[in-house]
Amino acid sequence: MKTDPALFIRDNTSPMTPPHVPEIRLNLASEAHELWLKTEEELAEIGLPPPFWAFAWAGGQGLARYVLDHPDMVDGKRVVDFASGSGLVAIAARMAGASEVLAADIDPWTRTAVALNAELNGVEIAFTGDNLIGSEIDADVLLAGDVFYDRDFAMALVPWFERLAADGVTVLVGDPGRAYLPKERLAACAVYAVPVTRALEDSEVKKTTVWRFNG
């Protein structure tokens, strides 16, 4: 990395509460922050992939809300938060009583973002930068917020999620209507109206559904 992640995150974000999950504080970029408006070339110059970790996406907010409102889904269980980003869902799971929480994300910047956000909320979150897709996981629950935005990514996730569900892992997905959501394989658990950043989405509120993958 060309830039120190902790210094950069502290300099370009502020502690905020996501509107749909006020129990949790995260280091987030403000509305239409220049961090997100930078071009790919500008981001590459400082060694920074697109900073998904700097925003509380609708799918993650909905899933975190569901976990906090239904702690029985994770209480005393081992949880993996896949494509964790800011760590919002991982933190919610830990606050809801999960015995162990592993945040997984291949973006190396998320390791620091998750650590800073976990510290901000006084919880312990383990982290892995490994690509878990297709692998066995040592967990009872897999949580995934907003992961069906890309066709190829979705095609890789669906068979993996199906296999995990068939093996007895509870797979919960938070999704605000992304194009590649495999609805035919899912059962709806809850629906939320989640306030979002207009600079990143096509509206100020996104209808977000929490789904359970059928095994």
C-alpha atoms as a PDB file:
ATOM      1  CA  MET A   1       0.000   0.000   0.000  1.00  0.00           C
ATOM      2  CA  LYS A   2       1.242   3.491  -0.829  1.00  0.00           C
ATOM      3  CA  THR A   3      -0.720   5.116   1.982  1.00  0.00           C
ATOM      4  CA  ASP A   4      -1.119   4.181   5.654  1.00  0.00           C
ATOM      5  CA  PRO A   5      -4.687   2.812   5.838  1.00  0.00           C
ATOM      6  CA  ALA A   6      -5.410   3.867   9.428  1.00  0.00           C
ATOM      7  CA  LEU A   7      -4.246   7.437   8.868  1.00  0.00           C
ATOM      8  CA  PHE A   8      -6.099   7.685   5.566  1.00  0.00           C
ATOM      9  CA  ILE A   9      -9.353   6.339   6.999  1.00  0.00           C
ATOM     10  CA  ARG A  10      -9.228   8.682   9.986  1.00  0.00           C
ATOM     11  CA  ASP A  11      -8.450  11.652   7.713  1.00  0.00           C
ATOM     12  CA  ASN A  12     -11.225  10.906   5.200  1.00  0.00           C
ATOM     13  CA  THR A  13     -14.086   9.692   7.390  1.00  0.00           C
ATOM     14  CA  SER A  14     -15.916  10.665  10.564  1.00  0.00           C
ATOM     15  CA  PRO A  15     -17.658   8.526  13.203  1.00  0.00           C
ATOM     16  CA  MET A  16     -21.335   8.373  12.204  1.00  0.00           C
ATOM     17  CA  THR A  17     -24.391   6.246  12.895  1.00  0.00           C
ATOM     18  CA  PRO A  18     -25.966   4.558   9.847  1.00  0.00           C
ATOM     19  CA  PRO A  19     -29.580   5.854   9.706  1.00  0.00           C
ATOM     20  CA  HIS A  20     -31.183   2.402   9.899  1.00  0.00           C
ATOM     21  CA  VAL A  21     -28.816   1.055  12.587  1.00  0.00           C
ATOM     22  CA  PRO A  22     -28.342   3.860  15.142  1.00  0.00           C
ATOM     23  CA  GLU A  23     -26.939   1.435  17.723  1.00  0.00           C
ATOM     24  CA  ILE A  24     -23.707   1.217  15.736  1.00  0.00           C
ATOM     25  CA  ARG A  25     -21.076   3.849  14.924  1.00  0.00           C
ATOM     26  CA  LEU A  26     -18.834   3.583  11.872  1.00  0.00           C
ATOM     27  CA  ASN A  27     -16.060   5.613  10.314  1.00  0.00           C
ATOM     28  CA  LEU A  28     -17.903   6.752   7.179  1.00  0.00           C
ATOM     29  CA  ALA A  29     -17.430   9.262   4.385  1.00  0.00           C
ATOM     30  CA  SER A  30     -20.016  12.022   4.249  1.00  0.00           C
ATOM     31  CA  GLU A  31     -22.630  12.521   1.533  1.00  0.00           C
ATOM     32  CA  ALA A  32     -21.021  12.880  -1.914  1.00  0.00           C
ATOM     33  CA  HIS A  33     -17.576  12.780  -0.290  1.00  0.00           C
ATOM     34  CA  GLU A  34     -14.687  13.437  -2.648  1.00  0.00           C
ATOM     35  CA  LEU A  35     -13.298  10.039  -1.670  1.00  0.00           C
ATOM     36  CA  TRP A  36     -15.979   8.303  -3.736  1.00  0.00           C
ATOM     37  CA  LEU A  37     -15.931  10.886  -6.529  1.00  0.00           C
ATOM     38  CA  LYS A  38     -12.252  10.329  -7.278  1.00  0.00           C
ATOM     39  CA  THR A  39     -11.521   8.595 -10.579  1.00  0.00           C
ATOM     40  CA  GLU A  40     -10.070   5.084 -10.700  1.00  0.00           C
ATOM     41  CA  GLU A  41      -6.756   6.623 -11.788  1.00  0.00           C
ATOM     42  CA  GLU A  42      -6.676   8.935  -8.773  1.00  0.00           C
ATOM     43  CA  LEU A  43      -7.488   6.042  -6.448  1.00  0.00           C
ATOM     44  CA  ALA A  44      -4.792   3.890  -8.049  1.00  0.00           C
ATOM     45  CA  GLU A  45      -2.227   6.614  -7.406  1.00  0.00           C
ATOM     46  CA  ILE A  46      -2.734   6.294  -3.655  1.00  0.00           C
ATOM     47  CA  GLY A  47      -3.059   2.507  -3.856  1.00  0.00           C
ATOM     48  CA  LEU A  48      -6.753   2.484  -2.954  1.00  0.00           C
ATOM     49  CA  PRO A  49      -9.388   0.153  -4.463  1.00  0.00           C
ATOM     50  CA  PRO A  50     -12.965   1.575  -4.667  1.00  0.00           C
ATOM     51  CA  PRO A  51     -13.698   2.427  -0.995  1.00  0.00           C
ATOM     52  CA  PHE A  52     -16.820   0.346  -0.409  1.00  0.00           C
ATOM     53  CA  TRP A  53     -15.839   0.237   3.278  1.00  0.00           C
ATOM     54  CA  ALA A  54     -16.460   3.995   3.613  1.00  0.00           C
ATOM     55  CA  PHE A  55     -20.241   3.779   3.171  1.00  0.00           C
ATOM     56  CA  ALA A  56     -23.135   1.972   4.874  1.00  0.00           C
ATOM     57  CA  TRP A  57     -24.824   0.274   1.916  1.00  0.00           C
ATOM     58  CA  ALA A  58     -28.539  -0.484   2.010  1.00  0.00           C
ATOM     59  CA  GLY A  59     -28.150  -4.260   1.954  1.00  0.00           C
ATOM     60  CA  GLY A  60     -25.775  -4.184   4.903  1.00  0.00           C
ATOM     61  CA  GLN A  61     -27.986  -1.803   6.879  1.00  0.00           C
ATOM     62  CA  GLY A  62     -31.027  -4.003   6.350  1.00  0.00           C
ATOM     63  CA  LEU A  63     -29.164  -7.172   7.299  1.00  0.00           C
ATOM     64  CA  ALA A  64     -27.616  -5.546  10.379  1.00  0.00           C
ATOM     65  CA  ARG A  65     -31.062  -4.320  11.444  1.00  0.00           C
ATOM     66  CA  TYR A  66     -32.489  -7.823  11.063  1.00  0.00           C
ATOM     67  CA  VAL A  67     -29.698  -9.401  13.099  1.00  0.00           C
ATOM     68  CA  LEU A  68     -30.105  -6.883  15.919  1.00  0.00           C
ATOM     69  CA  ASP A  69     -33.901  -7.329  15.921  1.00  0.00           C
ATOM     70  CA  HIS A  70     -33.659 -11.154  15.747  1.00  0.00           C
ATOM     71  CA  PRO A  71     -30.659 -12.010  17.930  1.00  0.00           C
ATOM     72  CA  ASP A  72     -31.755 -15.659  18.053  1.00  0.00           C
ATOM     73  CA  MET A  73     -30.382 -15.987  14.510  1.00  0.00           C
ATOM     74  CA  VAL A  74     -26.801 -15.519  15.750  1.00  0.00           C
ATOM     75  CA  ASP A  75     -26.816 -15.729  19.559  1.00  0.00           C
ATOM     76  CA  GLY A  76     -24.136 -18.166  20.720  1.00  0.00           C
ATOM     77  CA  LYS A  77     -23.252 -19.069  17.127  1.00  0.00           C
ATOM     78  CA  ARG A  78     -20.170 -18.792  14.936  1.00  0.00           C
ATOM     79  CA  VAL A  79     -20.754 -16.211  12.213  1.00  0.00           C
ATOM     80  CA  VAL A  80     -18.985 -15.248   8.985  1.00  0.00           C
ATOM     81  CA  ASP A  81     -19.740 -11.808   7.523  1.00  0.00           C
ATOM     82  CA  PHE A  82     -18.873 -12.257   3.844  1.00  0.00           C
ATOM     83  CA  ALA A  83     -17.746  -9.213   1.775  1.00  0.00           C
ATOM     84  CA  SER A  84     -17.755  -7.317   5.050  1.00  0.00           C
ATOM     85  CA  GLY A  85     -16.761  -3.833   3.858  1.00  0.00           C
ATOM     86  CA  SER A  86     -17.048  -1.520   6.861  1.00  0.00           C
ATOM     87  CA  GLY A  87     -17.794  -4.442   9.183  1.00  0.00           C
ATOM     88  CA  LEU A  88     -21.315  -3.160   9.912  1.00  0.00           C
ATOM     89  CA  VAL A  89     -22.989  -6.574   9.745  1.00  0.00           C
ATOM     90  CA  ALA A  90     -20.158  -8.273  11.627  1.00  0.00           C
ATOM     91  CA  ILE A  91     -20.453  -5.734  14.435  1.00  0.00           C
ATOM     92  CA  ALA A  92     -24.228  -6.200  14.566  1.00  0.00           C
ATOM     93  CA  ALA A  93     -23.779  -9.964  14.875  1.00  0.00           C
ATOM     94  CA  ARG A  94     -21.314  -9.573  17.728  1.00  0.00           C
ATOM     95  CA  MET A  95     -23.630  -7.130  19.500  1.00  0.00           C
ATOM     96  CA  ALA A  96     -26.491  -9.594  19.045  1.00  0.00           C
ATOM     97  CA  GLY A  97     -24.588 -12.290  20.928  1.00  0.00           C
ATOM     98  CA  ALA A  98     -22.629 -14.267  18.333  1.00  0.00           C
ATOM     99  CA  SER A  99     -19.899 -16.277  20.044  1.00  0.00           C
ATOM    100  CA  GLU A 100     -17.395 -15.681  17.222  1.00  0.00           C
ATOM    101  CA  VAL A 101     -17.522 -13.371  14.215  1.00  0.00           C
ATOM    102  CA  LEU A 102     -15.184 -13.509  11.236  1.00  0.00           C
ATOM    103  CA  ALA A 103     -15.286 -10.604   8.784  1.00  0.00           C
ATOM    104  CA  ALA A 104     -14.121 -11.685   5.318  1.00  0.00           C
ATOM    105  CA  ASP A 105     -13.175  -9.318   2.502  1.00  0.00           C
ATOM    106  CA  ILE A 106     -10.519  -9.485  -0.222  1.00  0.00           C
ATOM    107  CA  ASP A 107      -9.973  -5.694  -0.201  1.00  0.00           C
ATOM    108  CA  PRO A 108      -6.895  -5.247   2.040  1.00  0.00           C
ATOM    109  CA  TRP A 109      -8.149  -1.835   3.202  1.00  0.00           C
ATOM    110  CA  THR A 110     -11.148  -3.425   4.880  1.00  0.00           C
ATOM    111  CA  ARG A 111      -8.921  -5.124   7.445  1.00  0.00           C
ATOM    112  CA  THR A 112      -8.110  -1.714   8.914  1.00  0.00           C
ATOM    113  CA  ALA A 113     -11.635  -0.342   8.436  1.00  0.00           C
ATOM    114  CA  VAL A 114     -13.176  -3.307  10.270  1.00  0.00           C
ATOM    115  CA  ALA A 115     -10.618  -3.083  13.083  1.00  0.00           C
ATOM    116  CA  LEU A 116     -11.227   0.644  13.588  1.00  0.00           C
ATOM    117  CA  ASN A 117     -15.003   0.207  13.507  1.00  0.00           C
ATOM    118  CA  ALA A 118     -14.925  -2.759  15.871  1.00  0.00           C
ATOM    119  CA  GLU A 119     -12.868  -0.680  18.309  1.00  0.00           C
ATOM    120  CA  LEU A 120     -15.344   2.173  17.954  1.00  0.00           C
ATOM    121  CA  ASN A 121     -18.126  -0.164  19.108  1.00  0.00           C
ATOM    122  CA  GLY A 122     -16.162  -2.043  21.760  1.00  0.00           C
ATOM    123  CA  VAL A 123     -16.429  -5.478  20.122  1.00  0.00           C
ATOM    124  CA  GLU A 124     -13.926  -8.061  18.905  1.00  0.00           C
ATOM    125  CA  ILE A 125     -14.079  -9.111  15.252  1.00  0.00           C
ATOM    126  CA  ALA A 126     -11.660 -11.522  13.581  1.00  0.00           C
ATOM    127  CA  PHE A 127     -10.705 -10.847   9.964  1.00  0.00           C
ATOM    128  CA  THR A 128      -9.567 -12.777   6.894  1.00  0.00           C
ATOM    129  CA  GLY A 129      -8.556 -11.441   3.514  1.00  0.00           C
ATOM    130  CA  ASP A 130      -8.823 -14.883   1.909  1.00  0.00           C
ATOM    131  CA  ASN A 131     -11.243 -15.476  -0.957  1.00  0.00           C
ATOM    132  CA  LEU A 132     -13.728 -17.843   0.709  1.00  0.00           C
ATOM    133  CA  ILE A 133     -15.937 -18.481  -2.337  1.00  0.00           C
ATOM    134  CA  GLY A 134     -16.372 -22.214  -2.848  1.00  0.00           C
ATOM    135  CA  SER A 135     -14.675 -23.192   0.402  1.00  0.00           C
ATOM    136  CA  GLU A 136     -15.988 -24.862   3.523  1.00  0.00           C
ATOM    137  CA  ILE A 137     -16.508 -22.468   6.420  1.00  0.00           C
ATOM    138  CA  ASP A 138     -16.263 -23.222  10.120  1.00  0.00           C
ATOM    139  CA  ALA A 139     -19.439 -21.361  11.028  1.00  0.00           C
ATOM    140  CA  ASP A 140     -23.132 -21.769  11.794  1.00  0.00           C
ATOM    141  CA  VAL A 141     -24.273 -18.610   9.988  1.00  0.00           C
ATOM    142  CA  LEU A 142     -23.083 -16.747   6.899  1.00  0.00           C
ATOM    143  CA  LEU A 143     -24.223 -13.149   6.467  1.00  0.00           C
ATOM    144  CA  ALA A 144     -23.875 -11.295   3.150  1.00  0.00           C
ATOM    145  CA  GLY A 145     -24.968  -7.708   2.612  1.00  0.00           C
ATOM    146  CA  ASP A 146     -25.448  -6.378  -0.924  1.00  0.00           C
ATOM    147  CA  VAL A 147     -23.468  -8.967  -2.927  1.00  0.00           C
ATOM    148  CA  PHE A 148     -25.623  -9.513  -6.043  1.00  0.00           C
ATOM    149  CA  TYR A 149     -24.660  -6.375  -7.987  1.00  0.00           C
ATOM    150  CA  ASP A 150     -22.427  -8.132 -10.555  1.00  0.00           C
ATOM    151  CA  ARG A 151     -23.407 -11.041 -12.814  1.00  0.00           C
ATOM    152  CA  ASP A 152     -20.137 -12.990 -12.675  1.00  0.00           C
ATOM    153  CA  PHE A 153     -19.850 -12.514  -8.909  1.00  0.00           C
ATOM    154  CA  ALA A 154     -23.440 -13.701  -8.453  1.00  0.00           C
ATOM    155  CA  MET A 155     -22.807 -16.767 -10.626  1.00  0.00           C
ATOM    156  CA  ALA A 156     -19.919 -17.720  -8.348  1.00  0.00           C
ATOM    157  CA  LEU A 157     -21.860 -17.062  -5.136  1.00  0.00           C
ATOM    158  CA  VAL A 158     -25.112 -18.907  -5.859  1.00  0.00           C
ATOM    159  CA  PRO A 159     -23.762 -22.500  -5.983  1.00  0.00           C
ATOM    160  CA  TRP A 160     -21.555 -21.805  -2.956  1.00  0.00           C
ATOM    161  CA  PHE A 161     -24.418 -20.390  -0.910  1.00  0.00           C
ATOM    162  CA  GLU A 162     -26.643 -23.307  -1.975  1.00  0.00           C
ATOM    163  CA  ARG A 163     -24.051 -25.846  -0.863  1.00  0.00           C
ATOM    164  CA  LEU A 164     -23.509 -24.109   2.483  1.00  0.00           C
ATOM    165  CA  ALA A 165     -27.272 -24.003   3.092  1.00  0.00           C
ATOM    166  CA  ALA A 166     -27.590 -27.689   2.182  1.00  0.00           C
ATOM    167  CA  ASP A 167     -24.829 -28.456   4.697  1.00  0.00           C
ATOM    168  CA  GLY A 168     -26.800 -26.742   7.467  1.00  0.00           C
ATOM    169  CA  VAL A 169     -25.301 -23.251   7.453  1.00  0.00           C
ATOM    170  CA  THR A 170     -27.884 -20.476   7.800  1.00  0.00           C
ATOM    171  CA  VAL A 171     -27.214 -18.134   4.849  1.00  0.00           C
ATOM    172  CA  LEU A 172     -28.829 -14.696   5.177  1.00  0.00           C
ATOM    173  CA  VAL A 173     -28.585 -12.044   2.468  1.00  0.00           C
ATOM    174  CA  GLY A 174     -29.490  -8.345   2.644  1.00  0.00           C
ATOM    175  CA  ASP A 175     -30.391  -6.973  -0.785  1.00  0.00           C
ATOM    176  CA  PRO A 176     -31.903  -3.658  -2.012  1.00  0.00           C
ATOM    177  CA  GLY A 177     -33.113  -5.007  -5.350  1.00  0.00           C
ATOM    178  CA  ARG A 178     -29.844  -5.651  -7.163  1.00  0.00           C
ATOM    179  CA  ALA A 179     -30.111  -7.064 -10.675  1.00  0.00           C
ATOM    180  CA  TYR A 180     -28.627 -10.510 -10.084  1.00  0.00           C
ATOM    181  CA  LEU A 181     -30.432 -11.558  -6.910  1.00  0.00           C
ATOM    182  CA  PRO A 182     -31.546 -15.232  -7.334  1.00  0.00           C
ATOM    183  CA  LYS A 183     -35.044 -14.774  -5.866  1.00  0.00           C
ATOM    184  CA  GLU A 184     -36.149 -18.268  -6.880  1.00  0.00           C
ATOM    185  CA  ARG A 185     -33.660 -19.736  -4.388  1.00  0.00           C
ATOM    186  CA  LEU A 186     -34.596 -17.466  -1.499  1.00  0.00           C
ATOM    187  CA  ALA A 187     -37.228 -17.048   1.208  1.00  0.00           C
ATOM    188  CA  ALA A 188     -38.003 -13.506   2.413  1.00  0.00           C
ATOM    189  CA  CYS A 189     -37.506 -12.829   6.132  1.00  0.00           C
ATOM    190  CA  ALA A 190     -38.084  -9.063   6.457  1.00  0.00           C
ATOM    191  CA  VAL A 191     -38.432  -5.873   4.407  1.00  0.00           C
ATOM    192  CA  TYR A 192     -37.090  -2.445   5.379  1.00  0.00           C
ATOM    193  CA  ALA A 193     -37.095   1.068   3.917  1.00  0.00           C
ATOM    194  CA  VAL A 194     -33.452   2.074   4.306  1.00  0.00           C
ATOM    195  CA  PRO A 195     -32.231   5.695   3.919  1.00  0.00           C
ATOM    196  CA  VAL A 196     -29.188   5.783   1.648  1.00  0.00           C
ATOM    197  CA  THR A 197     -26.674   8.167   0.113  1.00  0.00           C
ATOM    198  CA  ARG A 198     -28.183   9.666  -3.041  1.00  0.00           C
ATOM    199  CA  ALA A 199     -24.702  10.134  -4.498  1.00  0.00           C
ATOM    200  CA  LEU A 200     -24.328   6.345  -4.594  1.00  0.00           C
ATOM    201  CA  GLU A 201     -27.877   5.163  -5.276  1.00  0.00           C
ATOM    202  CA  ASP A 202     -30.806   6.142  -7.496  1.00  0.00           C
ATOM    203  CA  SER A 203     -33.043   7.263  -4.626  1.00  0.00           C
ATOM    204  CA  GLU A 204     -32.906   8.469  -1.027  1.00  0.00           C
ATOM    205  CA  VAL A 205     -34.613   5.336   0.329  1.00  0.00           C
ATOM    206  CA  LYS A 206     -34.071   1.760  -0.854  1.00  0.00           C
ATOM    207  CA  LYS A 207     -36.527  -1.060  -0.229  1.00  0.00           C
ATOM    208  CA  THR A 208     -34.253  -3.679   1.261  1.00  0.00           C
ATOM    209  CA  THR A 209     -35.173  -7.317   1.838  1.00  0.00           C
ATOM    210  CA  VAL A 210     -33.428  -9.829   4.072  1.00  0.00           C
ATOM    211  CA  TRP A 211     -33.549 -13.254   2.457  1.00  0.00           C
ATOM    212  CA  ARG A 212     -32.672 -16.753   3.615  1.00  0.00           C
ATOM    213  CA  PHE A 213     -31.059 -19.116   1.135  1.00  0.00           C
ATOM    214  CA  ASN A 214     -32.893 -22.385   0.683  1.00  0.00           C
ATOM    215  CA  GLY A 215     -30.758 -25.482   1.118  1.00  0.00           C
END
